[in-house]
């Protein structure tokens, strides 16, 4: 049974930083592309970032490029999202997701999802 468990969300002031973690189990982690998405109420999931299995390949949404960094530790079966210079518009529930094969930015490409962690950025 595949499980993805996010942690690290919380409340932070604008300009601050948070580091999200996603611990995976039940899959061969090093074989999967890992992604982060976010969702605000009433809107669809938005792609944030993705990282290839080898970590030599990272992809970002334009809205977070230069502020967020995705990384992974295959020995710990964990993917991270370092979020700096946070803005109120980054407020959302953040989800990690896993897909086998090529890197993707579409929700329907991902096979497994975590339960999400809330990030709130106050102005």
C-alpha atoms as a PDB file:
ATOM      1  CA  UNK A   1       0.000   0.000   0.000  1.00  0.00           C
ATOM      2  CA  UNK A   2       1.468   3.304  -1.126  1.00  0.00           C
ATOM      3  CA  UNK A   3       1.458   6.148   1.358  1.00  0.00           C
ATOM      4  CA  UNK A   4       2.619   9.725   0.944  1.00  0.00           C
ATOM      5  CA  UNK A   5       2.624  11.785   4.128  1.00  0.00           C
ATOM      6  CA  UNK A   6       3.273  15.523   4.020  1.00  0.00           C
ATOM      7  CA  UNK A   7       4.457  17.610   6.941  1.00  0.00           C
ATOM      8  CA  UNK A   8       5.910  21.025   7.648  1.00  0.00           C
ATOM      9  CA  UNK A   9       2.986  23.263   6.845  1.00  0.00           C
ATOM     10  CA  UNK A  10       1.904  26.100   9.075  1.00  0.00           C
ATOM     11  CA  UNK A  11       1.381  29.815   9.455  1.00  0.00           C
ATOM     12  CA  UNK A  12       4.135  32.196   8.404  1.00  0.00           C
ATOM     13  CA  UNK A  13       4.408  35.916   7.715  1.00  0.00           C
ATOM     14  CA  UNK A  14       4.989  37.203   4.225  1.00  0.00           C
ATOM     15  CA  UNK A  15       8.671  37.047   3.365  1.00  0.00           C
ATOM     16  CA  UNK A  16       9.213  34.049   5.606  1.00  0.00           C
ATOM     17  CA  UNK A  17      10.171  30.479   4.827  1.00  0.00           C
ATOM     18  CA  UNK A  18       8.819  26.984   5.310  1.00  0.00           C
ATOM     19  CA  UNK A  19      10.143  23.562   4.407  1.00  0.00           C
ATOM     20  CA  UNK A  20       7.661  20.884   3.471  1.00  0.00           C
ATOM     21  CA  UNK A  21       8.512  17.203   3.609  1.00  0.00           C
ATOM     22  CA  UNK A  22       6.801  14.220   2.055  1.00  0.00           C
ATOM     23  CA  UNK A  23       7.684  10.745   3.290  1.00  0.00           C
ATOM     24  CA  UNK A  24       6.850   7.906   0.923  1.00  0.00           C
ATOM     25  CA  UNK A  25       6.346   4.218   1.603  1.00  0.00           C
ATOM     26  CA  UNK A  26       5.089   1.210  -0.302  1.00  0.00           C
ATOM     27  CA  UNK A  27       6.777   2.091  -3.585  1.00  0.00           C
ATOM     28  CA  UNK A  28      10.236   2.013  -5.102  1.00  0.00           C
ATOM     29  CA  UNK A  29      10.770   5.672  -4.372  1.00  0.00           C
ATOM     30  CA  UNK A  30      13.876   6.138  -6.495  1.00  0.00           C
ATOM     31  CA  UNK A  31      11.919   5.059  -9.589  1.00  0.00           C
ATOM     32  CA  UNK A  32       9.240   7.718  -9.273  1.00  0.00           C
ATOM     33  CA  UNK A  33       8.974  11.322 -10.308  1.00  0.00           C
ATOM     34  CA  UNK A  34       7.817  13.352  -7.323  1.00  0.00           C
ATOM     35  CA  UNK A  35       5.740  16.476  -7.580  1.00  0.00           C
ATOM     36  CA  UNK A  36       4.214  19.168  -5.425  1.00  0.00           C
ATOM     37  CA  UNK A  37       0.829  20.695  -6.177  1.00  0.00           C
ATOM     38  CA  UNK A  38      -1.295  23.176  -4.288  1.00  0.00           C
ATOM     39  CA  UNK A  39      -4.976  23.959  -4.082  1.00  0.00           C
ATOM     40  CA  UNK A  40      -7.057  26.802  -2.742  1.00  0.00           C
ATOM     41  CA  UNK A  41     -10.791  26.398  -2.077  1.00  0.00           C
ATOM     42  CA  UNK A  42     -12.839  26.630  -5.241  1.00  0.00           C
ATOM     43  CA  UNK A  43      -9.897  26.225  -7.574  1.00  0.00           C
ATOM     44  CA  UNK A  44      -8.207  23.313  -9.279  1.00  0.00           C
ATOM     45  CA  UNK A  45      -4.931  21.848  -8.179  1.00  0.00           C
ATOM     46  CA  UNK A  46      -1.994  23.927  -9.400  1.00  0.00           C
ATOM     47  CA  UNK A  47       1.359  22.453 -10.332  1.00  0.00           C
ATOM     48  CA  UNK A  48       4.185  23.806  -8.175  1.00  0.00           C
ATOM     49  CA  UNK A  49       7.308  21.729  -8.797  1.00  0.00           C
ATOM     50  CA  UNK A  50       8.546  18.291  -9.834  1.00  0.00           C
ATOM     51  CA  UNK A  51      11.781  16.373  -9.612  1.00  0.00           C
ATOM     52  CA  UNK A  52      13.044  13.407 -11.581  1.00  0.00           C
ATOM     53  CA  UNK A  53      14.006  10.165  -9.934  1.00  0.00           C
ATOM     54  CA  UNK A  54      17.683  10.978 -10.224  1.00  0.00           C
ATOM     55  CA  UNK A  55      17.216  14.544  -8.904  1.00  0.00           C
ATOM     56  CA  UNK A  56      19.005  15.756 -12.046  1.00  0.00           C
ATOM     57  CA  UNK A  57      15.967  17.471 -13.391  1.00  0.00           C
ATOM     58  CA  UNK A  58      13.732  19.903 -11.571  1.00  0.00           C
ATOM     59  CA  UNK A  59      10.755  21.826 -12.894  1.00  0.00           C
ATOM     60  CA  UNK A  60       8.866  24.765 -11.453  1.00  0.00           C
ATOM     61  CA  UNK A  61       5.775  26.797 -12.046  1.00  0.00           C
ATOM     62  CA  UNK A  62       6.616  30.336 -13.097  1.00  0.00           C
ATOM     63  CA  UNK A  63       4.875  31.655  -9.983  1.00  0.00           C
ATOM     64  CA  UNK A  64       7.394  29.992  -7.654  1.00  0.00           C
ATOM     65  CA  UNK A  65      10.563  29.919  -9.741  1.00  0.00           C
ATOM     66  CA  UNK A  66      13.464  31.466  -7.861  1.00  0.00           C
ATOM     67  CA  UNK A  67      11.662  31.211  -4.512  1.00  0.00           C
ATOM     68  CA  UNK A  68      10.934  27.497  -4.100  1.00  0.00           C
ATOM     69  CA  UNK A  69      13.362  24.582  -4.340  1.00  0.00           C
ATOM     70  CA  UNK A  70      12.391  20.948  -4.702  1.00  0.00           C
ATOM     71  CA  UNK A  71      14.816  18.233  -3.647  1.00  0.00           C
ATOM     72  CA  UNK A  72      14.771  14.579  -2.727  1.00  0.00           C
ATOM     73  CA  UNK A  73      16.660  12.084  -0.610  1.00  0.00           C
ATOM     74  CA  UNK A  74      16.206   8.636  -2.117  1.00  0.00           C
ATOM     75  CA  UNK A  75      17.878   7.018   0.891  1.00  0.00           C
ATOM     76  CA  UNK A  76      15.143   8.452   3.120  1.00  0.00           C
ATOM     77  CA  UNK A  77      12.283   8.082   0.625  1.00  0.00           C
ATOM     78  CA  UNK A  78      11.533  11.748   1.135  1.00  0.00           C
ATOM     79  CA  UNK A  79      10.934  14.731  -1.102  1.00  0.00           C
ATOM     80  CA  UNK A  80      11.199  18.311   0.132  1.00  0.00           C
ATOM     81  CA  UNK A  81       9.912  21.696  -0.894  1.00  0.00           C
ATOM     82  CA  UNK A  82      11.888  24.630   0.471  1.00  0.00           C
ATOM     83  CA  UNK A  83       9.731  27.737   0.206  1.00  0.00           C
ATOM     84  CA  UNK A  84      11.369  31.133   0.637  1.00  0.00           C
ATOM     85  CA  UNK A  85      10.094  34.685   0.232  1.00  0.00           C
ATOM     86  CA  UNK A  86       6.579  33.475   0.798  1.00  0.00           C
ATOM     87  CA  UNK A  87       3.676  35.609  -0.356  1.00  0.00           C
ATOM     88  CA  UNK A  88       0.029  35.647   0.749  1.00  0.00           C
ATOM     89  CA  UNK A  89      -0.908  34.197  -2.641  1.00  0.00           C
ATOM     90  CA  UNK A  90       1.100  31.075  -1.765  1.00  0.00           C
ATOM     91  CA  UNK A  91      -1.558  30.233   0.823  1.00  0.00           C
ATOM     92  CA  UNK A  92      -2.996  26.823  -0.086  1.00  0.00           C
ATOM     93  CA  UNK A  93      -3.101  23.162   0.816  1.00  0.00           C
ATOM     94  CA  UNK A  94       0.081  21.613  -0.543  1.00  0.00           C
ATOM     95  CA  UNK A  95       0.070  18.037  -1.807  1.00  0.00           C
ATOM     96  CA  UNK A  96       2.891  15.773  -2.833  1.00  0.00           C
ATOM     97  CA  UNK A  97       2.325  13.240  -5.570  1.00  0.00           C
ATOM     98  CA  UNK A  98       4.192  10.425  -7.281  1.00  0.00           C
ATOM     99  CA  UNK A  99       4.204   9.250 -10.866  1.00  0.00           C
ATOM    100  CA  UNK A 100       6.075   6.569 -12.729  1.00  0.00           C
ATOM    101  CA  UNK A 101       7.770   7.484 -15.974  1.00  0.00           C
ATOM    102  CA  UNK A 102       8.378  10.905 -17.401  1.00  0.00           C
ATOM    103  CA  UNK A 103       8.093  14.162 -15.514  1.00  0.00           C
ATOM    104  CA  UNK A 104       4.682  15.771 -15.734  1.00  0.00           C
ATOM    105  CA  UNK A 105       2.773  18.865 -14.681  1.00  0.00           C
ATOM    106  CA  UNK A 106      -0.772  17.574 -15.029  1.00  0.00           C
ATOM    107  CA  UNK A 107      -2.790  16.237 -12.131  1.00  0.00           C
ATOM    108  CA  UNK A 108      -4.043  13.221 -14.037  1.00  0.00           C
ATOM    109  CA  UNK A 109      -0.500  12.071 -14.752  1.00  0.00           C
ATOM    110  CA  UNK A 110       0.205  11.321 -11.109  1.00  0.00           C
ATOM    111  CA  UNK A 111      -0.588   7.949  -9.608  1.00  0.00           C
ATOM    112  CA  UNK A 112      -0.416   8.557  -5.864  1.00  0.00           C
ATOM    113  CA  UNK A 113      -1.264  11.519  -3.633  1.00  0.00           C
ATOM    114  CA  UNK A 114      -0.743  12.570  -0.051  1.00  0.00           C
ATOM    115  CA  UNK A 115      -3.401  14.025   2.198  1.00  0.00           C
ATOM    116  CA  UNK A 116      -2.050  17.567   2.026  1.00  0.00           C
ATOM    117  CA  UNK A 117      -0.628  20.104   4.459  1.00  0.00           C
ATOM    118  CA  UNK A 118      -1.933  23.632   4.959  1.00  0.00           C
ATOM    119  CA  UNK A 119       0.339  26.594   4.324  1.00  0.00           C
ATOM    120  CA  UNK A 120      -0.955  30.007   5.347  1.00  0.00           C
ATOM    121  CA  UNK A 121       0.987  33.180   4.614  1.00  0.00           C
ATOM    122  CA  UNK A 122      -0.178  36.299   6.405  1.00  0.00           C
ATOM    123  CA  UNK A 123       0.385  39.776   5.031  1.00  0.00           C
END
